[in-house]
Protein backbone atom coordinates (compact mmCIF):
# COMPACT_ATOMS: atom_id res chain seq x y z
CA UNK A 1 -14.56 47.33 -34.58
CA UNK A 2 -18.15 46.70 -33.48
CA UNK A 3 -18.43 44.00 -36.12
CA UNK A 4 -15.49 42.14 -34.56
CA UNK A 5 -17.03 42.42 -31.10
CA UNK A 6 -20.34 41.16 -32.48
CA UNK A 7 -18.67 38.05 -33.87
CA UNK A 8 -17.14 37.28 -30.46
CA UNK A 9 -20.28 38.12 -28.47
CA UNK A 10 -20.82 34.59 -27.10
CA UNK A 11 -17.20 34.32 -26.02
CA UNK A 12 -17.18 37.75 -24.41
CA UNK A 13 -20.43 37.15 -22.52
CA UNK A 14 -19.25 33.81 -21.15
CA UNK A 15 -18.01 35.61 -18.06
CA UNK A 16 -21.61 36.40 -17.14
CA UNK A 17 -22.50 32.69 -17.21
CA UNK A 18 -19.34 31.65 -15.35
CA UNK A 19 -18.07 34.48 -13.14
CA UNK A 20 -15.11 32.39 -11.96
CA UNK A 21 -13.60 32.68 -15.45
CA UNK A 22 -10.70 35.16 -15.29
CA UNK A 23 -10.88 38.13 -17.62
CA UNK A 24 -7.11 38.19 -18.07
CA UNK A 25 -4.10 35.92 -17.61
CA UNK A 26 -1.97 38.30 -15.56
CA UNK A 27 -1.67 35.87 -12.62
CA UNK A 28 -0.40 33.08 -14.87
CA UNK A 29 2.06 35.38 -16.60
CA UNK A 30 3.28 36.73 -13.26
CA UNK A 31 3.89 33.16 -12.03
CA UNK A 32 6.14 32.47 -15.01
CA UNK A 33 8.07 35.76 -14.97
CA UNK A 34 10.64 34.57 -12.40
CA UNK A 35 11.29 31.40 -14.36
CA UNK A 36 11.87 33.30 -17.60
CA UNK A 37 14.34 35.68 -15.96
CA UNK A 38 16.31 32.79 -14.40
CA UNK A 39 16.28 30.88 -17.69
CA UNK A 40 17.65 33.89 -19.59
CA UNK A 41 20.42 34.45 -17.05
CA UNK A 42 21.48 30.80 -16.78
CA UNK A 43 21.03 29.90 -20.43
CA UNK A 44 18.33 27.32 -19.64
CA UNK A 45 18.69 23.61 -19.09
CA UNK A 46 20.56 21.17 -21.28
CA UNK A 47 18.48 18.03 -20.93
CA UNK A 48 14.81 17.10 -20.97
CA UNK A 49 15.15 15.71 -17.45
CA UNK A 50 16.57 19.04 -16.29
CA UNK A 51 13.60 20.92 -17.75
CA UNK A 52 11.15 18.53 -16.08
CA UNK A 53 12.92 18.87 -12.73
CA UNK A 54 12.96 22.67 -13.00
CA UNK A 55 9.29 22.80 -13.94
CA UNK A 56 8.31 20.43 -11.12
CA UNK A 57 10.20 22.41 -8.50
CA UNK A 58 8.79 25.70 -9.80
CA UNK A 59 5.26 24.30 -9.64
CA UNK A 60 5.80 23.13 -6.06
CA UNK A 61 7.32 26.48 -5.07
CA UNK A 62 4.45 28.49 -6.54
CA UNK A 63 1.83 26.21 -4.95
CA UNK A 64 3.50 26.46 -1.54
CA UNK A 65 3.74 30.23 -1.93
CA UNK A 66 0.03 30.52 -2.76
CA UNK A 67 -0.86 28.34 0.25
CA UNK A 68 1.36 30.39 2.57
CA UNK A 69 3.78 27.51 3.22
CA UNK A 70 7.53 27.55 3.26
CA UNK A 71 8.73 25.58 0.24
CA UNK A 72 11.84 24.48 2.15
CA UNK A 73 9.81 23.21 5.11
CA UNK A 74 7.51 21.34 2.71
CA UNK A 75 10.47 19.83 0.85
CA UNK A 76 12.16 18.88 4.14
CA UNK A 77 8.96 17.21 5.31
CA UNK A 78 8.70 15.18 2.11
CA UNK A 79 12.37 14.15 2.31
CA UNK A 80 11.99 13.20 5.98
CA UNK A 81 14.41 15.75 7.42
CA UNK A 82 11.86 17.91 9.29
CA UNK A 83 10.58 17.43 12.83
CA UNK A 84 7.90 14.79 13.14
CA UNK A 85 5.93 17.22 15.33
CA UNK A 86 5.35 19.63 12.43
CA UNK A 87 4.20 17.34 9.63
CA UNK A 88 2.80 19.13 6.58
CA UNK A 89 -0.31 17.77 4.89
CA UNK A 90 -0.14 16.78 1.20
CA UNK A 91 -0.51 19.78 -1.11
CA UNK A 92 -3.41 18.18 -2.98
CA UNK A 93 -5.54 18.04 0.16
CA UNK A 94 -4.61 21.62 1.07
CA UNK A 95 -5.52 22.91 -2.40
CA UNK A 96 -8.82 20.99 -2.32
CA UNK A 97 -9.63 22.42 1.11
CA UNK A 98 -9.11 25.98 -0.14
CA UNK A 99 -11.20 25.50 -3.29
């Protein structure tokens, strides 16, 4: 066991050089869990376009959720059906501002 750890020493110590590197992928797996459950229940999508649309909407929903925005308000703003008084900034600028 120690021999295996010794072989991976550089990889395991990388976290000391770059502390922003996550030690696990639990957050990524948790983000996908809802999608997997829905896909199993519905049987998935039939077409490639359907998969791309589902993945795009899921990505937008998760990003809005992490930024504390309502996905439906964001979508309404982008489609032009929200109030002009409450315009929502582009997600890219909001993500960059939080980084």
